[in-house]
N, C-alpha and C. Protein backbone atom coordinates (compact mmCIF):
# COMPACT_ATOMS: atom_id res chain seq x y z
N MET A 1 55.85 -10.86 43.55
CA MET A 1 55.28 -10.79 45.22
C MET A 1 54.37 -12.86 44.84
N THR A 2 53.83 -12.98 43.75
CA THR A 2 52.64 -13.93 43.58
C THR A 2 54.19 -15.69 43.39
N MET A 3 54.85 -14.17 41.91
CA MET A 3 55.73 -15.88 42.43
C MET A 3 56.10 -16.56 43.38
N SER A 4 56.92 -15.95 44.21
CA SER A 4 57.44 -16.49 45.50
C SER A 4 56.47 -17.10 46.31
N ILE A 5 54.75 -16.37 46.40
CA ILE A 5 54.63 -17.82 46.54
C ILE A 5 54.57 -18.82 46.21
N LEU A 6 53.85 -18.85 45.28
CA LEU A 6 53.71 -20.43 44.36
C LEU A 6 55.17 -20.86 44.38
N LEU A 7 55.87 -20.73 44.42
CA LEU A 7 56.96 -21.25 44.49
C LEU A 7 57.81 -21.37 45.76
N PHE A 8 57.84 -21.33 46.83
CA PHE A 8 57.67 -21.68 48.26
C PHE A 8 57.06 -22.45 48.09
N LEU A 9 54.71 -22.76 47.97
CA LEU A 9 54.10 -24.05 48.38
C LEU A 9 54.45 -25.12 47.14
N HIS A 10 55.34 -24.64 46.07
CA HIS A 10 55.34 -25.74 45.31
C HIS A 10 56.55 -26.65 45.82
N THR A 11 58.17 -25.58 46.98
CA THR A 11 59.20 -26.91 46.65
C THR A 11 58.38 -27.07 48.60
N GLN A 12 57.19 -26.93 48.95
CA GLN A 12 56.65 -27.09 50.71
C GLN A 12 56.17 -28.91 49.82
N LEU A 13 55.42 -28.55 48.41
CA LEU A 13 54.64 -29.67 48.68
C LEU A 13 55.35 -30.28 47.74
N PHE A 14 56.85 -30.38 47.22
CA PHE A 14 57.68 -31.19 46.27
C PHE A 14 57.68 -31.82 48.10
N ARG A 15 58.91 -31.07 48.71
CA ARG A 15 58.90 -31.67 50.16
C ARG A 15 58.43 -32.37 50.14
N LYS A 16 56.74 -32.12 50.77
CA LYS A 16 55.97 -33.07 51.18
C LYS A 16 55.84 -34.80 50.89
N SER A 17 55.38 -34.08 49.91
CA SER A 17 55.88 -35.80 48.91
C SER A 17 56.66 -36.02 48.78
N LEU A 18 57.74 -36.01 48.48
CA LEU A 18 59.82 -36.90 49.11
C LEU A 18 59.71 -37.04 50.30
N ILE A 19 58.58 -36.84 51.45
CA ILE A 19 58.61 -36.87 52.60
C ILE A 19 58.13 -38.55 52.78
N GLU A 20 56.86 -38.81 52.22
CA GLU A 20 56.24 -40.15 52.38
C GLU A 20 56.29 -40.98 51.35
N PHE A 21 57.41 -40.18 50.34
CA PHE A 21 57.59 -41.30 49.13
C PHE A 21 58.72 -42.30 49.75
N ARG A 22 60.23 -41.21 50.84
CA ARG A 22 59.94 -41.86 51.63
C ARG A 22 59.83 -43.00 52.68
N VAL A 23 58.52 -42.50 53.49
CA VAL A 23 58.30 -43.58 54.64
C VAL A 23 57.39 -44.48 53.44
N VAL A 24 57.63 -44.50 52.26
CA VAL A 24 56.11 -45.99 51.68
C VAL A 24 57.65 -46.76 51.13
N PHE A 25 58.81 -45.87 50.53
CA PHE A 25 59.39 -46.79 50.62
C PHE A 25 60.61 -47.27 52.23
N MET A 26 60.84 -47.12 52.66
CA MET A 26 60.85 -47.32 53.91
C MET A 26 60.33 -48.26 54.16
N ARG A 27 58.85 -48.34 54.00
CA ARG A 27 57.47 -49.27 54.25
C ARG A 27 57.73 -50.81 53.59
N SER A 28 58.33 -50.67 52.21
CA SER A 28 58.46 -51.71 51.22
C SER A 28 59.40 -52.59 51.29
N HIS A 29 60.43 -51.30 52.32
CA HIS A 29 61.39 -51.84 51.87
C HIS A 29 61.56 -52.45 53.06
N SER A 30 61.55 -52.79 54.29
CA SER A 30 61.34 -53.40 55.05
C SER A 30 61.16 -54.82 54.87
N MET A 31 59.32 -54.83 54.17
CA MET A 31 58.58 -55.60 54.38
C MET A 31 58.78 -57.54 52.73
N LEU A 32 60.20 -56.14 51.75
CA LEU A 32 61.51 -56.91 51.22
C LEU A 32 61.43 -57.45 52.25
N THR A 33 62.87 -57.17 52.44
CA THR A 33 63.66 -57.74 52.89
C THR A 33 63.25 -59.06 53.74
N LEU A 34 61.53 -59.32 53.80
CA LEU A 34 61.41 -60.42 54.26
C LEU A 34 60.13 -61.65 52.91
N GLY A 35 60.35 -63.23 52.70
CA GLY A 35 61.01 -63.52 50.94
C GLY A 35 60.05 -63.48 50.99
N SER A 36 59.22 -64.13 52.39
CA SER A 36 57.90 -65.00 51.69
C SER A 36 56.47 -63.65 51.04
N THR A 37 56.63 -62.54 52.28
CA THR A 37 56.30 -61.47 51.90
C THR A 37 55.99 -60.86 50.45
N ALA A 38 57.92 -60.63 50.23
CA ALA A 38 58.08 -60.20 48.55
C ALA A 38 57.94 -61.12 47.33
N ALA A 39 57.73 -62.24 47.83
CA ALA A 39 57.09 -63.20 47.02
C ALA A 39 55.67 -63.26 46.66
N ILE A 40 54.57 -63.00 47.61
CA ILE A 40 53.49 -62.96 47.42
C ILE A 40 53.31 -61.63 46.91
N PHE A 41 53.85 -60.24 47.44
CA PHE A 41 53.63 -59.15 46.98
C PHE A 41 54.37 -59.11 45.56
N SER A 42 54.83 -60.18 44.88
CA SER A 42 55.05 -60.02 44.08
C SER A 42 53.83 -60.16 42.32
N ARG A 43 53.57 -61.34 42.83
CA ARG A 43 52.97 -62.58 42.06
C ARG A 43 51.32 -61.88 42.05
N VAL A 44 51.10 -60.86 43.36
CA VAL A 44 49.98 -60.31 43.05
C VAL A 44 49.71 -58.99 42.23
N LEU A 45 51.01 -59.01 42.38
CA LEU A 45 51.27 -57.51 41.29
C LEU A 45 51.14 -58.50 40.05
N THR A 46 51.84 -58.98 39.76
CA THR A 46 51.94 -60.28 38.13
C THR A 46 50.54 -59.97 37.70
N VAL A 47 49.88 -60.38 38.99
CA VAL A 47 48.43 -60.78 38.49
C VAL A 47 47.73 -59.47 37.87
N GLU A 48 47.39 -58.86 38.33
CA GLU A 48 46.84 -57.80 38.09
C GLU A 48 47.45 -57.21 37.27
N TRP A 49 48.68 -56.96 36.79
CA TRP A 49 49.08 -56.57 36.31
C TRP A 49 48.24 -57.33 34.38
N SER A 50 48.69 -58.88 34.66
CA SER A 50 48.33 -59.53 33.51
C SER A 50 46.75 -58.83 33.99
N CYS A 51 45.95 -58.27 34.34
CA CYS A 51 44.67 -58.43 34.13
C CYS A 51 43.86 -57.34 33.40
N ASP A 52 45.32 -56.64 34.11
CA ASP A 52 44.42 -54.72 33.19
C ASP A 52 45.60 -55.18 32.23
N PHE A 53 46.20 -55.96 31.59
CA PHE A 53 46.64 -55.35 30.06
C PHE A 53 45.56 -56.76 29.13
N GLY A 54 45.00 -57.93 29.91
CA GLY A 54 43.62 -58.65 29.10
C GLY A 54 43.34 -57.45 28.63
N TRP A 55 42.53 -56.79 29.98
CA TRP A 55 40.83 -56.05 30.02
C TRP A 55 41.62 -55.08 28.52
N SER A 56 42.99 -54.50 29.16
CA SER A 56 42.97 -53.20 28.53
C SER A 56 42.94 -53.90 26.40
N ARG A 57 43.98 -55.30 26.33
CA ARG A 57 42.95 -56.38 25.13
C ARG A 57 42.32 -56.90 24.25
N VAL A 58 40.92 -56.65 25.58
CA VAL A 58 39.73 -57.16 24.92
C VAL A 58 39.36 -55.54 25.28
N SER A 59 39.13 -54.56 25.75
CA SER A 59 38.63 -53.03 24.73
C SER A 59 38.65 -53.07 23.70
N GLU A 60 39.97 -53.14 23.42
CA GLU A 60 41.05 -52.40 21.89
C GLU A 60 39.91 -53.35 20.93
N MET A 61 39.59 -54.93 21.98
CA MET A 61 39.48 -56.30 20.03
C MET A 61 37.65 -55.42 20.17
N GLU A 62 36.89 -55.05 21.28
CA GLU A 62 35.89 -54.67 20.93
C GLU A 62 35.95 -53.43 20.50
N ALA A 63 36.71 -53.01 20.96
CA ALA A 63 36.67 -51.05 19.94
C ALA A 63 36.24 -50.92 18.38
N GLY A 64 37.60 -52.62 18.03
CA GLY A 64 37.79 -52.76 16.59
C GLY A 64 36.75 -53.32 15.97
N GLY A 65 36.25 -53.83 16.17
CA GLY A 65 34.31 -54.53 16.58
C GLY A 65 33.34 -53.56 16.11
N GLU A 66 34.15 -53.01 17.06
CA GLU A 66 32.26 -51.87 16.37
C GLU A 66 32.54 -50.82 15.60
N THR A 67 33.88 -50.33 14.25
CA THR A 67 34.14 -49.67 14.37
C THR A 67 34.52 -50.45 12.46
N SER A 68 33.99 -51.67 12.36
CA SER A 68 34.35 -52.57 11.12
C SER A 68 33.60 -53.03 11.21
């Protein structure tokens, strides 16, 4: 009995997330059709990624400095 309820909830959640993903995908796709928006978007993503990478490198170096 509980197994079927869990399975039902799981499928409902999965469907909901799938629908949300489709909505987000459609929105981003319509944005990407505009070339300038896509260029700005990719530039922002690149900057964020490089910042994250830089921060992780700094924290690794700090951790290494503390242990030695």
